[in-house]
Amino acid sequence: MTWLNVIRLPMIFTSGALASLTLFPRWFIAVGLLTPTTYSADGFRYALLGYYDIVPPLYSLSILLLITMGFIFLSVRVLRKRY
């Protein structure tokens, strides 16, 4: 579990969940857009507060669905190889 924090913590800090991404330089926003946590944080922000930070809600939802489908595809592929 400790090794998972190496992946999770940078994603939390670059996602805009703790502070708005508009407060940071452009290169930091580009890094933030590479993490799926950014899209879920913007989606939650829109659902709870009625505004979004950088990514529109429909775009966030479509990106999250694509990422989810990609991970499901990869996990099915790995499980089929093992069994």
Protein backbone atom coordinates (compact mmCIF):
# COMPACT_ATOMS: atom_id res chain seq x y z
CA MET A 1 0.00 0.00 0.00
CA THR A 2 2.87 2.38 0.64
CA TRP A 3 4.09 2.11 -2.94
CA LEU A 4 0.67 3.11 -4.25
CA ASN A 5 1.12 6.49 -2.58
CA VAL A 6 3.97 7.16 -5.01
CA ILE A 7 1.31 7.24 -7.74
CA ARG A 8 -1.66 8.60 -5.78
CA LEU A 9 -0.17 11.62 -4.04
CA PRO A 10 1.24 13.35 -7.15
CA MET A 11 -2.11 12.78 -8.87
CA ILE A 12 -3.95 14.46 -5.99
CA PHE A 13 -1.63 17.46 -5.95
CA THR A 14 -1.69 17.95 -9.73
CA SER A 15 -5.44 17.39 -10.16
CA GLY A 16 -6.79 20.61 -8.78
CA ALA A 17 -8.54 18.85 -5.92
CA LEU A 18 -6.68 20.87 -3.28
CA ALA A 19 -6.26 24.17 -5.13
CA SER A 20 -7.57 25.51 -8.40
CA LEU A 21 -5.40 24.70 -11.39
CA THR A 22 -5.86 28.24 -12.69
CA LEU A 23 -3.58 29.45 -9.89
CA PHE A 24 -0.61 27.53 -11.30
CA PRO A 25 1.60 28.03 -14.40
CA ARG A 26 0.62 26.56 -17.76
CA TRP A 27 3.08 23.67 -17.56
CA PHE A 28 1.47 22.57 -14.29
CA ILE A 29 -1.98 22.67 -15.91
CA ALA A 30 -0.64 20.48 -18.74
CA VAL A 31 0.64 17.95 -16.20
CA GLY A 32 -2.69 18.10 -14.39
CA LEU A 33 -4.60 17.31 -17.58
CA LEU A 34 -2.67 14.04 -17.88
CA THR A 35 -4.14 12.67 -14.65
CA PRO A 36 -7.65 11.22 -14.46
CA THR A 37 -8.13 12.76 -11.03
CA THR A 38 -8.37 16.19 -12.67
CA TYR A 39 -11.47 15.18 -14.59
CA SER A 40 -13.18 13.65 -11.56
CA ALA A 41 -12.32 16.66 -9.38
CA ASP A 42 -13.80 19.04 -11.97
CA GLY A 43 -16.87 16.83 -12.26
CA PHE A 44 -17.40 16.85 -8.50
CA ARG A 45 -16.81 20.59 -8.39
CA TYR A 46 -19.50 21.13 -11.02
CA ALA A 47 -21.94 18.72 -9.33
CA LEU A 48 -21.54 20.32 -5.89
CA LEU A 49 -20.85 23.98 -6.63
CA GLY A 50 -22.25 24.52 -10.12
CA TYR A 51 -19.03 25.67 -11.83
CA TYR A 52 -16.00 23.97 -13.29
CA ASP A 53 -12.38 24.98 -13.17
CA ILE A 54 -10.77 24.02 -16.47
CA VAL A 55 -12.56 21.09 -18.11
CA PRO A 56 -16.28 21.27 -19.02
CA PRO A 57 -18.43 18.60 -17.32
CA LEU A 58 -19.40 16.68 -20.46
CA TYR A 59 -15.79 16.54 -21.55
CA SER A 60 -14.78 15.33 -18.07
CA LEU A 61 -17.41 12.62 -18.15
CA SER A 62 -16.41 11.41 -21.61
CA ILE A 63 -12.71 11.31 -20.70
CA LEU A 64 -13.46 9.38 -17.51
CA LEU A 65 -15.57 6.90 -19.46
CA LEU A 66 -12.78 6.40 -21.99
CA ILE A 67 -10.21 5.86 -19.23
CA THR A 68 -12.54 3.42 -17.46
CA MET A 69 -13.17 1.45 -20.64
CA GLY A 70 -9.42 1.37 -21.33
CA PHE A 71 -8.62 -0.03 -17.90
CA ILE A 72 -11.43 -2.59 -18.15
CA PHE A 73 -10.10 -3.70 -21.54
CA LEU A 74 -6.56 -4.04 -20.17
CA SER A 75 -7.69 -5.95 -17.08
CA VAL A 76 -9.79 -8.40 -19.14
CA ARG A 77 -6.82 -8.94 -21.44
CA VAL A 78 -4.46 -9.64 -18.53
CA LEU A 79 -6.95 -11.98 -16.83
CA ARG A 80 -7.48 -13.96 -20.04
CA LYS A 81 -3.72 -14.48 -20.36
CA ARG A 82 -3.45 -15.79 -16.80
CA TYR A 83 -6.46 -18.12 -16.88
